[in-house]
Amino acid sequence: MNTLHFIMDPQCGWCYAAAPLIDVLTELTELSIKIHSGGLFSGVNKGPVTSEFHQQMKESDKRIMALTGQQFSNNYYSTLFAEKDRVLDSDTPISALLAAEFLGIQPLPMLHTMQKAQFIDGRSMSDINNLSLIATELGAETKSFLNALAYFFGNKTNQHIAKTRQLMRALGGKGYPFFVLAHKDGSLTPLDHSGFYSTPELWSAYVKQKLQNNS
């Protein structure tokens, strides 16, 4: 099986922008998709939103909406985005993705539901109560999810982030999202998605061509 390595961060707006690109690739039966989380706001990068970065985020959101049609709702801006003490945190949602996968929940639906909860519904994906609700909606038992979340939070999440960053460095990745196609013969092909945000169908054709070139 060919594998698409999707290197991203749950808090990254451009990774949310790439959701339609991921969705269209789930239709390719010869391709599996594996998520790797890079910890955009982890460690020393975790912290409150400065006024300067707040404005940068808003401008980036506008570009994303214009280019892809992915929405950042008024509810998001009036609640979560407007919180003066909001902390940008990638560790908690990454731990939730690892916990969900451990419990047999597919990571992509978990990620997409987390993104929708935050950017559409205005419910933080760093809030454990919100994450627990999402996991139970997708079939997990609440206590099992919370136990798994506690198990992964900390060292195991840090190890996952470190491995993801190592993979990015080895393959020349410069930012999120980053896509790498792993062929059945073990060879790797980095994919340039930047020109396809508004044309998922052309992106799918591009990936199919890369698969055929190595078949």
N, C-alpha and C. Protein backbone atom coordinates (compact mmCIF):
# COMPACT_ATOMS: atom_id res chain seq x y z
N MET A 1 0.85 -1.20 0.00
CA MET A 1 0.00 0.00 0.00
C MET A 1 0.88 1.25 0.00
N ASN A 2 0.56 2.20 -0.86
CA ASN A 2 1.21 3.50 -0.83
C ASN A 2 0.66 4.30 0.35
N THR A 3 1.51 5.12 0.95
CA THR A 3 1.10 5.90 2.12
C THR A 3 1.39 7.37 1.91
N LEU A 4 0.39 8.20 2.19
CA LEU A 4 0.61 9.64 2.21
C LEU A 4 0.86 10.05 3.65
N HIS A 5 2.04 10.60 3.91
CA HIS A 5 2.36 11.12 5.23
C HIS A 5 1.92 12.59 5.28
N PHE A 6 0.95 12.86 6.13
CA PHE A 6 0.38 14.20 6.29
C PHE A 6 0.98 14.80 7.56
N ILE A 7 1.94 15.69 7.39
CA ILE A 7 2.65 16.30 8.52
C ILE A 7 2.01 17.65 8.80
N MET A 8 1.46 17.79 10.00
CA MET A 8 0.61 18.95 10.27
C MET A 8 0.61 19.28 11.76
N ASP A 9 -0.19 20.27 12.10
CA ASP A 9 -0.47 20.57 13.50
C ASP A 9 -1.95 20.88 13.62
N PRO A 10 -2.64 20.35 14.62
CA PRO A 10 -4.08 20.58 14.72
C PRO A 10 -4.47 22.04 14.86
N GLN A 11 -3.57 22.86 15.42
CA GLN A 11 -3.87 24.28 15.61
C GLN A 11 -3.53 25.13 14.39
N CYS A 12 -2.95 24.54 13.39
CA CYS A 12 -2.49 25.28 12.21
C CYS A 12 -3.66 25.59 11.28
N GLY A 13 -3.88 26.87 11.00
CA GLY A 13 -4.97 27.27 10.13
C GLY A 13 -4.81 26.73 8.72
N TRP A 14 -3.59 26.66 8.22
CA TRP A 14 -3.36 26.17 6.86
C TRP A 14 -3.53 24.66 6.78
N CYS A 15 -3.39 23.97 7.89
CA CYS A 15 -3.70 22.53 7.92
C CYS A 15 -5.21 22.33 7.86
N TYR A 16 -5.95 23.21 8.50
CA TYR A 16 -7.41 23.23 8.37
C TYR A 16 -7.80 23.55 6.93
N ALA A 17 -7.06 24.47 6.32
CA ALA A 17 -7.32 24.82 4.92
C ALA A 17 -7.12 23.63 4.00
N ALA A 18 -6.24 22.72 4.39
CA ALA A 18 -5.93 21.56 3.55
C ALA A 18 -6.91 20.41 3.72
N ALA A 19 -7.91 20.56 4.58
CA ALA A 19 -8.87 19.47 4.81
C ALA A 19 -9.52 18.97 3.51
N PRO A 20 -9.94 19.85 2.59
CA PRO A 20 -10.51 19.33 1.33
C PRO A 20 -9.50 18.53 0.51
N LEU A 21 -8.22 18.87 0.61
CA LEU A 21 -7.20 18.12 -0.11
C LEU A 21 -7.06 16.71 0.47
N ILE A 22 -7.19 16.61 1.78
CA ILE A 22 -7.15 15.30 2.42
C ILE A 22 -8.40 14.51 2.09
N ASP A 23 -9.54 15.16 2.15
CA ASP A 23 -10.81 14.47 1.90
C ASP A 23 -10.83 13.82 0.53
N VAL A 24 -10.35 14.53 -0.49
CA VAL A 24 -10.41 13.98 -1.84
C VAL A 24 -9.46 12.80 -2.00
N LEU A 25 -8.39 12.77 -1.21
CA LEU A 25 -7.45 11.64 -1.31
C LEU A 25 -7.95 10.40 -0.59
N THR A 26 -8.90 10.57 0.32
CA THR A 26 -9.47 9.39 0.99
C THR A 26 -10.25 8.53 0.01
N GLU A 27 -10.56 9.07 -1.15
CA GLU A 27 -11.29 8.31 -2.17
C GLU A 27 -10.36 7.41 -3.00
N LEU A 28 -9.06 7.58 -2.85
CA LEU A 28 -8.10 6.76 -3.60
C LEU A 28 -7.86 5.46 -2.85
N THR A 29 -8.35 4.37 -3.38
CA THR A 29 -8.28 3.09 -2.68
C THR A 29 -6.85 2.56 -2.55
N GLU A 30 -5.95 3.03 -3.43
CA GLU A 30 -4.57 2.54 -3.39
C GLU A 30 -3.69 3.34 -2.44
N LEU A 31 -4.29 4.24 -1.67
CA LEU A 31 -3.52 5.14 -0.82
C LEU A 31 -4.05 5.14 0.60
N SER A 32 -3.15 4.96 1.58
CA SER A 32 -3.51 5.17 2.98
C SER A 32 -2.91 6.50 3.43
N ILE A 33 -3.50 7.10 4.46
CA ILE A 33 -3.05 8.40 4.93
C ILE A 33 -2.66 8.29 6.40
N LYS A 34 -1.46 8.76 6.71
CA LYS A 34 -0.97 8.71 8.08
C LYS A 34 -0.67 10.12 8.55
N ILE A 35 -1.20 10.45 9.73
CA ILE A 35 -1.03 11.78 10.32
C ILE A 35 0.21 11.82 11.21
N HIS A 36 0.96 12.90 11.09
CA HIS A 36 2.08 13.19 12.00
C HIS A 36 1.90 14.63 12.50
N SER A 37 1.97 14.84 13.80
CA SER A 37 1.76 16.17 14.38
C SER A 37 3.08 16.77 14.83
N GLY A 38 3.33 18.02 14.38
CA GLY A 38 4.64 18.62 14.60
C GLY A 38 4.79 19.54 15.78
N GLY A 39 3.70 19.84 16.48
CA GLY A 39 3.83 20.67 17.69
C GLY A 39 4.14 22.12 17.38
N LEU A 40 3.31 22.75 16.57
CA LEU A 40 3.52 24.16 16.21
C LEU A 40 3.54 25.05 17.45
N PHE A 41 2.64 24.77 18.39
CA PHE A 41 2.58 25.55 19.63
C PHE A 41 2.82 24.61 20.82
N SER A 42 4.01 24.02 20.83
CA SER A 42 4.41 23.12 21.91
C SER A 42 5.71 23.62 22.53
N GLY A 43 5.97 23.19 23.75
CA GLY A 43 7.21 23.58 24.41
C GLY A 43 7.29 25.08 24.58
N VAL A 44 8.41 25.66 24.14
CA VAL A 44 8.62 27.11 24.30
C VAL A 44 7.68 27.91 23.41
N ASN A 45 7.07 27.28 22.40
CA ASN A 45 6.16 27.99 21.50
C ASN A 45 4.73 28.05 22.03
N LYS A 46 4.46 27.36 23.12
CA LYS A 46 3.13 27.41 23.73
C LYS A 46 3.02 28.67 24.58
N GLY A 47 1.90 29.37 24.43
CA GLY A 47 1.75 30.57 25.25
C GLY A 47 0.60 31.44 24.79
N PRO A 48 0.43 32.59 25.45
CA PRO A 48 -0.68 33.50 25.12
C PRO A 48 -0.51 34.12 23.74
N VAL A 49 -1.62 34.58 23.18
CA VAL A 49 -1.62 35.20 21.86
C VAL A 49 -1.29 36.68 22.01
N THR A 50 -0.20 37.12 21.39
CA THR A 50 0.12 38.55 21.42
C THR A 50 -0.80 39.30 20.45
N SER A 51 -0.91 40.60 20.64
CA SER A 51 -1.77 41.39 19.76
C SER A 51 -1.26 41.34 18.32
N GLU A 52 0.05 41.31 18.15
CA GLU A 52 0.63 41.24 16.81
C GLU A 52 0.29 39.91 16.14
N PHE A 53 0.45 38.82 16.89
CA PHE A 53 0.16 37.51 16.31
C PHE A 53 -1.35 37.34 16.10
N HIS A 54 -2.13 37.94 16.96
CA HIS A 54 -3.59 37.93 16.81
C HIS A 54 -3.98 38.49 15.45
N GLN A 55 -3.36 39.60 15.07
CA GLN A 55 -3.66 40.22 13.78
C GLN A 55 -3.16 39.36 12.63
N GLN A 56 -2.00 38.75 12.81
CA GLN A 56 -1.47 37.86 11.77
C GLN A 56 -2.42 36.68 11.53
N MET A 57 -2.95 36.14 12.61
CA MET A 57 -3.88 35.02 12.49
C MET A 57 -5.13 35.44 11.73
N LYS A 58 -5.63 36.62 12.03
CA LYS A 58 -6.85 37.08 11.37
C LYS A 58 -6.62 37.29 9.88
N GLU A 59 -5.49 37.86 9.51
CA GLU A 59 -5.18 38.06 8.10
C GLU A 59 -5.01 36.71 7.39
N SER A 60 -4.37 35.76 8.06
CA SER A 60 -4.20 34.43 7.48
C SER A 60 -5.55 33.75 7.28
N ASP A 61 -6.44 33.90 8.25
CA ASP A 61 -7.78 33.31 8.13
C ASP A 61 -8.50 33.86 6.91
N LYS A 62 -8.37 35.17 6.67
CA LYS A 62 -9.02 35.78 5.50
C LYS A 62 -8.49 35.16 4.21
N ARG A 63 -7.20 34.96 4.12
CA ARG A 63 -6.61 34.37 2.92
C ARG A 63 -7.11 32.94 2.73
N ILE A 64 -7.19 32.21 3.84
CA ILE A 64 -7.66 30.82 3.77
C ILE A 64 -9.09 30.75 3.27
N MET A 65 -9.96 31.60 3.80
CA MET A 65 -11.36 31.59 3.39
C MET A 65 -11.51 31.96 1.92
N ALA A 66 -10.74 32.94 1.46
CA ALA A 66 -10.83 33.38 0.07
C ALA A 66 -10.31 32.30 -0.88
N LEU A 67 -9.27 31.60 -0.46
CA LEU A 67 -8.62 30.64 -1.35
C LEU A 67 -9.30 29.29 -1.36
N THR A 68 -9.80 28.84 -0.22
CA THR A 68 -10.27 27.46 -0.10
C THR A 68 -11.76 27.31 0.18
N GLY A 69 -12.40 28.34 0.69
CA GLY A 69 -13.79 28.21 1.09
C GLY A 69 -13.97 27.67 2.50
N GLN A 70 -12.89 27.21 3.13
CA GLN A 70 -12.96 26.79 4.52
C GLN A 70 -13.32 28.00 5.39
N GLN A 71 -14.23 27.80 6.34
CA GLN A 71 -14.78 28.92 7.08
C GLN A 71 -14.23 29.03 8.51
N PHE A 72 -14.06 30.26 8.94
CA PHE A 72 -13.83 30.60 10.34
C PHE A 72 -15.06 31.42 10.74
N SER A 73 -15.89 30.86 11.58
CA SER A 73 -17.23 31.42 11.80
C SER A 73 -17.21 32.66 12.70
N ASN A 74 -18.31 33.40 12.65
CA ASN A 74 -18.48 34.53 13.57
C ASN A 74 -18.46 34.05 15.01
N ASN A 75 -18.99 32.87 15.24
CA ASN A 75 -19.00 32.30 16.59
C ASN A 75 -17.58 32.10 17.09
N TYR A 76 -16.70 31.63 16.22
CA TYR A 76 -15.28 31.46 16.59
C TYR A 76 -14.66 32.81 16.94
N TYR A 77 -14.90 33.82 16.11
CA TYR A 77 -14.28 35.11 16.35
C TYR A 77 -14.85 35.81 17.58
N SER A 78 -16.14 35.61 17.85
CA SER A 78 -16.77 36.31 18.98
C SER A 78 -16.54 35.61 20.31
N THR A 79 -16.11 34.35 20.28
CA THR A 79 -15.89 33.62 21.53
C THR A 79 -14.41 33.29 21.71
N LEU A 80 -13.98 32.23 21.10
CA LEU A 80 -12.62 31.74 21.32
C LEU A 80 -11.55 32.71 20.85
N PHE A 81 -11.70 33.24 19.65
CA PHE A 81 -10.67 34.13 19.10
C PHE A 81 -10.54 35.40 19.92
N ALA A 82 -11.66 35.84 20.51
CA ALA A 82 -11.67 37.11 21.24
C ALA A 82 -11.15 36.98 22.68
N GLU A 83 -10.89 35.75 23.14
CA GLU A 83 -10.43 35.58 24.52
C GLU A 83 -9.05 36.22 24.71
N LYS A 84 -8.97 37.15 25.65
CA LYS A 84 -7.71 37.86 25.87
C LYS A 84 -6.64 36.97 26.51
N ASP A 85 -7.08 35.96 27.26
CA ASP A 85 -6.12 35.08 27.93
C ASP A 85 -5.96 33.74 27.21
N ARG A 86 -6.34 33.69 25.95
CA ARG A 86 -6.24 32.45 25.19
C ARG A 86 -4.78 32.02 25.06
N VAL A 87 -4.55 30.73 25.28
CA VAL A 87 -3.21 30.15 25.14
C VAL A 87 -3.20 29.23 23.93
N LEU A 88 -2.23 29.45 23.06
CA LEU A 88 -2.07 28.57 21.91
C LEU A 88 -1.33 27.31 22.35
N ASP A 89 -1.99 26.20 22.24
CA ASP A 89 -1.49 24.93 22.78
C ASP A 89 -1.73 23.82 21.77
N SER A 90 -0.65 23.20 21.31
CA SER A 90 -0.76 22.05 20.41
C SER A 90 -0.68 20.73 21.16
N ASP A 91 -0.08 20.71 22.33
CA ASP A 91 0.16 19.45 23.03
C ASP A 91 -1.13 18.69 23.35
N THR A 92 -2.14 19.41 23.85
CA THR A 92 -3.38 18.74 24.25
C THR A 92 -4.11 18.11 23.06
N PRO A 93 -4.34 18.85 21.95
CA PRO A 93 -5.00 18.20 20.81
C PRO A 93 -4.17 17.10 20.16
N ILE A 94 -2.85 17.21 20.18
CA ILE A 94 -2.02 16.12 19.65
C ILE A 94 -2.18 14.88 20.52
N SER A 95 -2.18 15.06 21.83
CA SER A 95 -2.40 13.93 22.74
C SER A 95 -3.76 13.29 22.48
N ALA A 96 -4.75 14.13 22.18
CA ALA A 96 -6.09 13.61 21.90
C ALA A 96 -6.11 12.77 20.63
N LEU A 97 -5.39 13.20 19.60
CA LEU A 97 -5.31 12.42 18.37
C LEU A 97 -4.64 11.06 18.62
N LEU A 98 -3.57 11.07 19.40
CA LEU A 98 -2.87 9.82 19.71
C LEU A 98 -3.76 8.91 20.55
N ALA A 99 -4.48 9.49 21.50
CA ALA A 99 -5.37 8.69 22.36
C ALA A 99 -6.51 8.09 21.54
N ALA A 100 -7.07 8.88 20.63
CA ALA A 100 -8.18 8.38 19.81
C ALA A 100 -7.72 7.23 18.93
N GLU A 101 -6.56 7.38 18.31
CA GLU A 101 -6.05 6.30 17.46
C GLU A 101 -5.79 5.04 18.28
N PHE A 102 -5.27 5.22 19.47
CA PHE A 102 -5.01 4.09 20.39
C PHE A 102 -6.31 3.34 20.70
N LEU A 103 -7.43 4.07 20.74
CA LEU A 103 -8.72 3.46 21.05
C LEU A 103 -9.46 2.97 19.81
N GLY A 104 -8.81 3.06 18.65
CA GLY A 104 -9.42 2.55 17.43
C GLY A 104 -10.21 3.56 16.63
N ILE A 105 -10.15 4.83 17.01
CA ILE A 105 -10.82 5.89 16.26
C ILE A 105 -9.87 6.37 15.17
N GLN A 106 -10.36 6.47 13.94
CA GLN A 106 -9.53 6.93 12.85
C GLN A 106 -9.08 8.38 13.09
N PRO A 107 -7.80 8.68 12.93
CA PRO A 107 -7.30 10.02 13.25
C PRO A 107 -7.89 11.13 12.38
N LEU A 108 -8.13 10.85 11.09
CA LEU A 108 -8.63 11.92 10.22
C LEU A 108 -10.01 12.43 10.64
N PRO A 109 -11.00 11.55 10.91
CA PRO A 109 -12.28 12.08 11.41
C PRO A 109 -12.12 12.82 12.73
N MET A 110 -11.24 12.33 13.60
CA MET A 110 -11.00 13.02 14.87
C MET A 110 -10.43 14.41 14.62
N LEU A 111 -9.45 14.50 13.73
CA LEU A 111 -8.85 15.80 13.42
C LEU A 111 -9.87 16.75 12.82
N HIS A 112 -10.61 16.29 11.82
CA HIS A 112 -11.58 17.16 11.16
C HIS A 112 -12.66 17.63 12.13
N THR A 113 -13.09 16.75 13.03
CA THR A 113 -14.12 17.13 14.00
C THR A 113 -13.56 18.13 15.01
N MET A 114 -12.30 17.96 15.41
CA MET A 114 -11.65 18.92 16.29
C MET A 114 -11.55 20.29 15.62
N GLN A 115 -11.16 20.30 14.35
CA GLN A 115 -11.02 21.57 13.62
C GLN A 115 -12.38 22.26 13.48
N LYS A 116 -13.40 21.49 13.15
CA LYS A 116 -14.74 22.08 13.03
C LYS A 116 -15.21 22.63 14.37
N ALA A 117 -14.98 21.87 15.44
CA ALA A 117 -15.39 22.33 16.77
C ALA A 117 -14.77 23.68 17.10
N GLN A 118 -13.51 23.86 16.74
CA GLN A 118 -12.82 25.10 17.09
C GLN A 118 -13.16 26.23 16.13
N PHE A 119 -12.94 26.00 14.84
CA PHE A 119 -13.03 27.08 13.87
C PHE A 119 -14.45 27.41 13.42
N ILE A 120 -15.39 26.49 13.62
CA ILE A 120 -16.78 26.75 13.28
C ILE A 120 -17.63 26.98 14.53
N ASP A 121 -17.51 26.07 15.50
CA ASP A 121 -18.35 26.15 16.69
C ASP A 121 -17.78 27.03 17.79
N GLY A 122 -16.49 27.38 17.69
CA GLY A 122 -15.87 28.22 18.71
C GLY A 122 -15.55 27.49 19.99
N ARG A 123 -15.38 26.15 19.92
CA ARG A 123 -15.03 25.35 21.10
C ARG A 123 -13.57 24.93 21.01
N SER A 124 -12.77 25.32 21.96
CA SER A 124 -11.34 25.10 21.90
C SER A 124 -10.98 23.62 21.82
N MET A 125 -10.05 23.29 20.90
CA MET A 125 -9.57 21.92 20.82
C MET A 125 -8.48 21.65 21.85
N SER A 126 -8.19 22.62 22.70
CA SER A 126 -7.29 22.40 23.82
C SER A 126 -8.05 22.16 25.12
N ASP A 127 -9.37 22.21 25.05
CA ASP A 127 -10.21 21.98 26.22
C ASP A 127 -10.54 20.49 26.32
N ILE A 128 -10.18 19.88 27.44
CA ILE A 128 -10.34 18.44 27.59
C ILE A 128 -11.80 18.02 27.53
N ASN A 129 -12.69 18.84 28.08
CA ASN A 129 -14.12 18.50 28.01
C ASN A 129 -14.61 18.45 26.57
N ASN A 130 -14.19 19.42 25.76
CA ASN A 130 -14.57 19.42 24.35
C ASN A 130 -14.00 18.20 23.63
N LEU A 131 -12.75 17.88 23.91
CA LEU A 131 -12.11 16.73 23.27
C LEU A 131 -12.81 15.43 23.66
N SER A 132 -13.20 15.35 24.92
CA SER A 132 -13.90 14.14 25.38
C SER A 132 -15.23 13.98 24.68
N LEU A 133 -15.96 15.09 24.50
CA LEU A 133 -17.24 15.04 23.80
C LEU A 133 -17.05 14.58 22.35
N ILE A 134 -16.01 15.10 21.71
CA ILE A 134 -15.74 14.72 20.32
C ILE A 134 -15.42 13.23 20.24
N ALA A 135 -14.57 12.76 21.14
CA ALA A 135 -14.18 11.35 21.12
C ALA A 135 -15.38 10.44 21.33
N THR A 136 -16.28 10.82 22.24
CA THR A 136 -17.46 9.99 22.49
C THR A 136 -18.41 10.01 21.30
N GLU A 137 -18.50 11.16 20.62
CA GLU A 137 -19.30 11.24 19.40
C GLU A 137 -18.80 10.27 18.34
N LEU A 138 -17.49 10.02 18.35
CA LEU A 138 -16.88 9.15 17.35
C LEU A 138 -16.77 7.70 17.82
N GLY A 139 -17.34 7.41 19.00
CA GLY A 139 -17.45 6.02 19.43
C GLY A 139 -16.64 5.61 20.63
N ALA A 140 -15.87 6.51 21.22
CA ALA A 140 -15.07 6.16 22.39
C ALA A 140 -15.93 6.21 23.66
N GLU A 141 -15.53 5.46 24.65
CA GLU A 141 -16.14 5.56 25.98
C GLU A 141 -15.39 6.64 26.75
N THR A 142 -16.13 7.50 27.44
CA THR A 142 -15.53 8.70 28.03
C THR A 142 -14.35 8.38 28.94
N LYS A 143 -14.53 7.46 29.87
CA LYS A 143 -13.46 7.14 30.82
C LYS A 143 -12.25 6.59 30.09
N SER A 144 -12.46 5.74 29.11
CA SER A 144 -11.35 5.16 28.35
C SER A 144 -10.57 6.24 27.62
N PHE A 145 -11.30 7.20 27.04
CA PHE A 145 -10.62 8.28 26.33
C PHE A 145 -9.79 9.14 27.29
N LEU A 146 -10.37 9.50 28.43
CA LEU A 146 -9.64 10.34 29.39
C LEU A 146 -8.41 9.62 29.92
N ASN A 147 -8.52 8.32 30.14
CA ASN A 147 -7.36 7.55 30.59
C ASN A 147 -6.28 7.51 29.51
N ALA A 148 -6.71 7.32 28.26
CA ALA A 148 -5.75 7.29 27.16
C ALA A 148 -5.11 8.65 26.96
N LEU A 149 -5.89 9.70 27.11
CA LEU A 149 -5.36 11.06 26.98
C LEU A 149 -4.28 11.30 28.02
N ALA A 150 -4.55 10.91 29.26
CA ALA A 150 -3.56 11.07 30.33
C ALA A 150 -2.30 10.25 30.05
N TYR A 151 -2.49 9.07 29.45
CA TYR A 151 -1.36 8.19 29.13
C TYR A 151 -0.44 8.83 28.10
N PHE A 152 -1.02 9.48 27.10
CA PHE A 152 -0.20 10.04 26.02
C PHE A 152 0.32 11.44 26.33
N PHE A 153 -0.39 12.18 27.17
CA PHE A 153 0.03 13.55 27.45
C PHE A 153 1.37 13.56 28.18
N GLY A 154 2.27 14.40 27.69
CA GLY A 154 3.60 14.44 28.31
C GLY A 154 4.62 13.76 27.44
N ASN A 155 5.32 12.76 28.00
CA ASN A 155 6.45 12.15 27.32
C ASN A 155 6.10 11.55 25.97
N LYS A 156 5.00 10.81 25.88
CA LYS A 156 4.67 10.13 24.63
C LYS A 156 4.30 11.13 23.54
N THR A 157 3.60 12.17 23.91
CA THR A 157 3.30 13.23 22.94
C THR A 157 4.58 13.94 22.52
N ASN A 158 5.45 14.23 23.46
CA ASN A 158 6.73 14.87 23.14
C ASN A 158 7.57 14.00 22.21
N GLN A 159 7.55 12.70 22.43
CA GLN A 159 8.30 11.79 21.56
C GLN A 159 7.72 11.79 20.15
N HIS A 160 6.39 11.81 20.05
CA HIS A 160 5.74 11.87 18.74
C HIS A 160 6.13 13.15 18.01
N ILE A 161 6.09 14.27 18.70
CA ILE A 161 6.46 15.55 18.09
C ILE A 161 7.91 15.54 17.64
N ALA A 162 8.80 15.01 18.46
CA ALA A 162 10.22 14.96 18.11
C ALA A 162 10.44 14.12 16.85
N LYS A 163 9.76 12.99 16.75
CA LYS A 163 9.90 12.13 15.56
C LYS A 163 9.36 12.82 14.32
N THR A 164 8.25 13.54 14.48
CA THR A 164 7.67 14.27 13.35
C THR A 164 8.62 15.34 12.86
N ARG A 165 9.20 16.09 13.77
CA ARG A 165 10.14 17.15 13.39
C ARG A 165 11.38 16.57 12.73
N GLN A 166 11.83 15.43 13.22
CA GLN A 166 12.99 14.76 12.62
C GLN A 166 12.66 14.34 11.19
N LEU A 167 11.45 13.81 10.98
CA LEU A 167 11.02 13.41 9.64
C LEU A 167 10.97 14.62 8.72
N MET A 168 10.44 15.73 9.20
CA MET A 168 10.38 16.94 8.39
C MET A 168 11.76 17.42 7.99
N ARG A 169 12.67 17.44 8.93
CA ARG A 169 14.04 17.90 8.63
C ARG A 169 14.70 16.99 7.60
N ALA A 170 14.51 15.68 7.76
CA ALA A 170 15.13 14.72 6.85
C ALA A 170 14.61 14.87 5.42
N LEU A 171 13.36 15.30 5.29
CA LEU A 171 12.74 15.39 3.97
C LEU A 171 12.68 16.83 3.43
N GLY A 172 13.23 17.76 4.18
CA GLY A 172 13.29 19.13 3.69
C GLY A 172 12.03 19.93 3.88
N GLY A 173 11.15 19.50 4.78
CA GLY A 173 9.91 20.24 5.04
C GLY A 173 10.19 21.56 5.73
N LYS A 174 9.50 22.61 5.29
CA LYS A 174 9.73 23.96 5.82
C LYS A 174 8.57 24.51 6.63
N GLY A 175 7.41 23.87 6.56
CA GLY A 175 6.25 24.38 7.29
C GLY A 175 5.10 23.41 7.20
N TYR A 176 4.00 23.79 7.84
CA TYR A 176 2.81 22.94 7.88
C TYR A 176 1.73 23.54 6.98
N PRO A 177 0.97 22.68 6.29
CA PRO A 177 1.13 21.22 6.21
C PRO A 177 2.25 20.84 5.24
N PHE A 178 2.71 19.59 5.37
CA PHE A 178 3.75 19.06 4.50
C PHE A 178 3.34 17.64 4.13
N PHE A 179 3.39 17.33 2.85
CA PHE A 179 2.92 16.03 2.36
C PHE A 179 4.08 15.26 1.73
N VAL A 180 4.17 13.99 2.10
CA VAL A 180 5.20 13.10 1.52
C VAL A 180 4.53 11.80 1.13
N LEU A 181 4.78 11.38 -0.10
CA LEU A 181 4.22 10.13 -0.60
C LEU A 181 5.26 9.03 -0.44
N ALA A 182 4.91 7.99 0.32
CA ALA A 182 5.77 6.82 0.50
C ALA A 182 5.26 5.71 -0.41
N HIS A 183 6.06 5.35 -1.39
CA HIS A 183 5.65 4.34 -2.36
C HIS A 183 5.87 2.93 -1.81
N LYS A 184 5.24 1.98 -2.47
CA LYS A 184 5.32 0.60 -2.02
C LYS A 184 6.76 0.07 -2.02
N ASP A 185 7.61 0.63 -2.89
CA ASP A 185 9.00 0.17 -2.95
C ASP A 185 9.89 0.85 -1.91
N GLY A 186 9.28 1.73 -1.08
CA GLY A 186 10.03 2.38 -0.02
C GLY A 186 10.54 3.77 -0.37
N SER A 187 10.45 4.16 -1.64
CA SER A 187 10.91 5.49 -2.03
C SER A 187 9.94 6.56 -1.56
N LEU A 188 10.45 7.77 -1.41
CA LEU A 188 9.66 8.88 -0.89
C LEU A 188 9.62 10.03 -1.89
N THR A 189 8.44 10.62 -2.04
CA THR A 189 8.27 11.75 -2.93
C THR A 189 7.58 12.89 -2.19
N PRO A 190 8.30 13.97 -1.86
CA PRO A 190 7.62 15.14 -1.29
C PRO A 190 6.66 15.72 -2.32
N LEU A 191 5.50 16.18 -1.88
CA LEU A 191 4.47 16.70 -2.77
C LEU A 191 4.27 18.20 -2.53
N ASP A 192 4.20 18.96 -3.61
CA ASP A 192 3.97 20.40 -3.50
C ASP A 192 2.47 20.66 -3.65
N HIS A 193 1.81 20.94 -2.54
CA HIS A 193 0.37 21.15 -2.54
C HIS A 193 -0.04 22.60 -2.70
N SER A 194 0.94 23.50 -2.68
CA SER A 194 0.64 24.93 -2.52
C SER A 194 -0.25 25.50 -3.62
N GLY A 195 -0.18 24.93 -4.81
CA GLY A 195 -0.97 25.47 -5.92
C GLY A 195 -2.33 24.83 -6.07
N PHE A 196 -2.73 23.96 -5.11
CA PHE A 196 -3.95 23.18 -5.27
C PHE A 196 -5.02 23.48 -4.21
N TYR A 197 -4.81 24.46 -3.36
CA TYR A 197 -5.76 24.71 -2.28
C TYR A 197 -7.19 24.92 -2.78
N SER A 198 -7.32 25.58 -3.92
CA SER A 198 -8.66 25.88 -4.43
C SER A 198 -9.14 24.86 -5.46
N THR A 199 -8.32 23.84 -5.74
CA THR A 199 -8.67 22.85 -6.77
C THR A 199 -8.35 21.43 -6.28
N PRO A 200 -9.13 20.92 -5.34
CA PRO A 200 -8.87 19.57 -4.82
C PRO A 200 -8.86 18.49 -5.90
N GLU A 201 -9.68 18.63 -6.93
CA GLU A 201 -9.73 17.61 -7.98
C GLU A 201 -8.39 17.54 -8.74
N LEU A 202 -7.80 18.71 -9.00
CA LEU A 202 -6.50 18.72 -9.67
C LEU A 202 -5.40 18.16 -8.75
N TRP A 203 -5.53 18.42 -7.48
CA TRP A 203 -4.60 17.84 -6.49
C TRP A 203 -4.68 16.33 -6.52
N SER A 204 -5.88 15.79 -6.57
CA SER A 204 -6.06 14.34 -6.63
C SER A 204 -5.42 13.77 -7.89
N ALA A 205 -5.61 14.46 -9.02
CA ALA A 205 -5.00 14.01 -10.27
C ALA A 205 -3.48 14.06 -10.19
N TYR A 206 -2.95 15.09 -9.54
CA TYR A 206 -1.50 15.24 -9.36
C TYR A 206 -0.94 14.08 -8.53
N VAL A 207 -1.63 13.73 -7.45
CA VAL A 207 -1.17 12.63 -6.61
C VAL A 207 -1.27 11.30 -7.36
N LYS A 208 -2.37 11.11 -8.10
CA LYS A 208 -2.52 9.89 -8.90
C LYS A 208 -1.37 9.74 -9.89
N GLN A 209 -0.98 10.85 -10.51
CA GLN A 209 0.14 10.81 -11.47
C GLN A 209 1.43 10.42 -10.79
N LYS A 210 1.66 10.94 -9.59
CA LYS A 210 2.87 10.57 -8.84
C LYS A 210 2.86 9.08 -8.51
N LEU A 211 1.68 8.55 -8.19
CA LEU A 211 1.57 7.12 -7.89
C LEU A 211 1.86 6.28 -9.15
N GLN A 212 1.33 6.72 -10.28
CA GLN A 212 1.53 5.99 -11.52
C GLN A 212 2.98 6.02 -11.99
N ASN A 213 3.63 7.15 -11.75
CA ASN A 213 5.04 7.29 -12.17
C ASN A 213 5.95 6.32 -11.44
N ASN A 214 5.49 5.85 -10.28
CA ASN A 214 6.33 4.94 -9.48
C ASN A 214 5.79 3.53 -9.47
N SER A 215 4.76 3.27 -10.27
CA SER A 215 4.17 1.92 -10.25
C SER A 215 4.95 0.95 -11.14
